[in-house]
């Protein structure tokens, strides 16, 4: 994650993360950035973990499907899931 996107209406809510290549991955729910930075930064870290975990889970479900076409089906998944 290189940067984040904020909600257009609520400027203290992070709604997505971006890679250094500009790839955007939306969070399931926004992260409120108020109060001490140590609190909301931990919440942001947890949201990143949860989001990556969910992306991996969805991908793994696709991979076990015998009808899954990897070349076509892999395109919509984010590339931020790395080792």
C-alpha atoms as a PDB file:
ATOM      1  CA  UNK A   1       0.000   0.000   0.000  1.00  0.00           C
ATOM      2  CA  UNK A   2       1.415   3.317  -1.086  1.00  0.00           C
ATOM      3  CA  UNK A   3      -1.516   5.644  -0.497  1.00  0.00           C
ATOM      4  CA  UNK A   4      -5.154   5.714   0.545  1.00  0.00           C
ATOM      5  CA  UNK A   5      -8.377   7.186  -0.790  1.00  0.00           C
ATOM      6  CA  UNK A   6     -10.710   9.155   1.434  1.00  0.00           C
ATOM      7  CA  UNK A   7     -14.489   9.320   1.227  1.00  0.00           C
ATOM      8  CA  UNK A   8     -15.559  12.305  -0.873  1.00  0.00           C
ATOM      9  CA  UNK A   9     -18.200  13.412   1.649  1.00  0.00           C
ATOM     10  CA  UNK A  10     -16.531  12.344   4.898  1.00  0.00           C
ATOM     11  CA  UNK A  11     -12.941  13.494   4.532  1.00  0.00           C
ATOM     12  CA  UNK A  12     -11.839  11.730   7.723  1.00  0.00           C
ATOM     13  CA  UNK A  13     -12.814   8.254   6.468  1.00  0.00           C
ATOM     14  CA  UNK A  14     -10.427   6.063   4.444  1.00  0.00           C
ATOM     15  CA  UNK A  15     -12.312   3.921   1.932  1.00  0.00           C
ATOM     16  CA  UNK A  16      -9.575   2.263  -0.147  1.00  0.00           C
ATOM     17  CA  UNK A  17      -5.875   1.519  -0.442  1.00  0.00           C
ATOM     18  CA  UNK A  18      -3.710   2.069  -3.523  1.00  0.00           C
ATOM     19  CA  UNK A  19      -0.540   0.374  -4.697  1.00  0.00           C
ATOM     20  CA  UNK A  20       2.518   2.110  -6.087  1.00  0.00           C
ATOM     21  CA  UNK A  21       1.184   1.177  -9.542  1.00  0.00           C
ATOM     22  CA  UNK A  22      -2.115   2.955  -8.858  1.00  0.00           C
ATOM     23  CA  UNK A  23      -4.204  -0.157  -8.338  1.00  0.00           C
ATOM     24  CA  UNK A  24      -7.126   0.640  -6.021  1.00  0.00           C
ATOM     25  CA  UNK A  25      -8.670  -1.872  -3.621  1.00  0.00           C
ATOM     26  CA  UNK A  26     -11.799  -0.739  -1.787  1.00  0.00           C
ATOM     27  CA  UNK A  27     -12.397  -1.640   1.854  1.00  0.00           C
ATOM     28  CA  UNK A  28     -15.643  -3.314   2.907  1.00  0.00           C
ATOM     29  CA  UNK A  29     -16.247  -0.425   5.279  1.00  0.00           C
ATOM     30  CA  UNK A  30     -14.473   2.850   5.863  1.00  0.00           C
ATOM     31  CA  UNK A  31     -11.854   3.504   8.518  1.00  0.00           C
ATOM     32  CA  UNK A  32     -12.581   6.542  10.694  1.00  0.00           C
ATOM     33  CA  UNK A  33      -9.456   8.704  11.152  1.00  0.00           C
ATOM     34  CA  UNK A  34     -10.250  10.653  14.287  1.00  0.00           C
ATOM     35  CA  UNK A  35      -8.624  10.683  17.677  1.00  0.00           C
ATOM     36  CA  UNK A  36      -5.119   9.471  18.348  1.00  0.00           C
ATOM     37  CA  UNK A  37      -3.181   8.334  15.298  1.00  0.00           C
ATOM     38  CA  UNK A  38      -2.124   5.164  17.133  1.00  0.00           C
ATOM     39  CA  UNK A  39      -5.783   4.089  17.319  1.00  0.00           C
ATOM     40  CA  UNK A  40      -6.981   4.767  13.782  1.00  0.00           C
ATOM     41  CA  UNK A  41      -3.704   3.575  12.246  1.00  0.00           C
ATOM     42  CA  UNK A  42      -4.177   0.218  13.975  1.00  0.00           C
ATOM     43  CA  UNK A  43      -7.755   0.138  12.649  1.00  0.00           C
ATOM     44  CA  UNK A  44      -6.438   0.865   9.150  1.00  0.00           C
ATOM     45  CA  UNK A  45      -3.872  -1.930   9.446  1.00  0.00           C
ATOM     46  CA  UNK A  46      -6.584  -4.362  10.536  1.00  0.00           C
ATOM     47  CA  UNK A  47      -8.806  -3.316   7.618  1.00  0.00           C
ATOM     48  CA  UNK A  48      -5.913  -3.894   5.181  1.00  0.00           C
ATOM     49  CA  UNK A  49      -5.373  -7.370   6.653  1.00  0.00           C
ATOM     50  CA  UNK A  50      -9.089  -8.212   6.499  1.00  0.00           C
ATOM     51  CA  UNK A  51      -9.379  -6.965   2.923  1.00  0.00           C
ATOM     52  CA  UNK A  52      -6.361  -8.942   1.685  1.00  0.00           C
ATOM     53  CA  UNK A  53      -7.605 -12.025   3.552  1.00  0.00           C
ATOM     54  CA  UNK A  54     -11.007 -11.726   1.870  1.00  0.00           C
ATOM     55  CA  UNK A  55      -9.452 -11.292  -1.586  1.00  0.00           C
ATOM     56  CA  UNK A  56      -7.323 -14.412  -1.056  1.00  0.00           C
ATOM     57  CA  UNK A  57     -10.372 -16.370   0.164  1.00  0.00           C
ATOM     58  CA  UNK A  58     -12.417 -15.438  -2.906  1.00  0.00           C
ATOM     59  CA  UNK A  59      -9.504 -16.298  -5.205  1.00  0.00           C
ATOM     60  CA  UNK A  60      -8.992 -19.671  -3.548  1.00  0.00           C
ATOM     61  CA  UNK A  61     -12.673 -20.520  -4.034  1.00  0.00           C
ATOM     62  CA  UNK A  62     -12.311 -19.764  -7.737  1.00  0.00           C
ATOM     63  CA  UNK A  63      -9.198 -21.910  -8.097  1.00  0.00           C
ATOM     64  CA  UNK A  64     -10.943 -25.077  -6.883  1.00  0.00           C
ATOM     65  CA  UNK A  65     -13.746 -24.673  -9.442  1.00  0.00           C
ATOM     66  CA  UNK A  66     -12.967 -27.014 -12.363  1.00  0.00           C
ATOM     67  CA  UNK A  67     -14.717 -24.627 -14.783  1.00  0.00           C
ATOM     68  CA  UNK A  68     -12.619 -21.641 -13.702  1.00  0.00           C
ATOM     69  CA  UNK A  69     -10.651 -20.111 -16.588  1.00  0.00           C
ATOM     70  CA  UNK A  70      -7.559 -18.642 -14.946  1.00  0.00           C
ATOM     71  CA  UNK A  71      -6.620 -16.375 -17.866  1.00  0.00           C
ATOM     72  CA  UNK A  72     -10.035 -14.704 -17.957  1.00  0.00           C
ATOM     73  CA  UNK A  73     -11.007 -14.978 -14.294  1.00  0.00           C
ATOM     74  CA  UNK A  74      -7.784 -13.704 -12.743  1.00  0.00           C
ATOM     75  CA  UNK A  75      -8.013 -10.222 -14.300  1.00  0.00           C
ATOM     76  CA  UNK A  76     -10.456  -8.611 -11.814  1.00  0.00           C
ATOM     77  CA  UNK A  77      -8.451  -9.655  -8.749  1.00  0.00           C
ATOM     78  CA  UNK A  78      -6.034  -7.189  -7.244  1.00  0.00           C
ATOM     79  CA  UNK A  79      -2.302  -7.655  -7.647  1.00  0.00           C
ATOM     80  CA  UNK A  80      -1.513  -6.376  -4.159  1.00  0.00           C
ATOM     81  CA  UNK A  81      -1.645  -9.888  -2.740  1.00  0.00           C
ATOM     82  CA  UNK A  82       2.069 -10.708  -2.690  1.00  0.00           C
ATOM     83  CA  UNK A  83       4.351 -12.958  -0.680  1.00  0.00           C
END
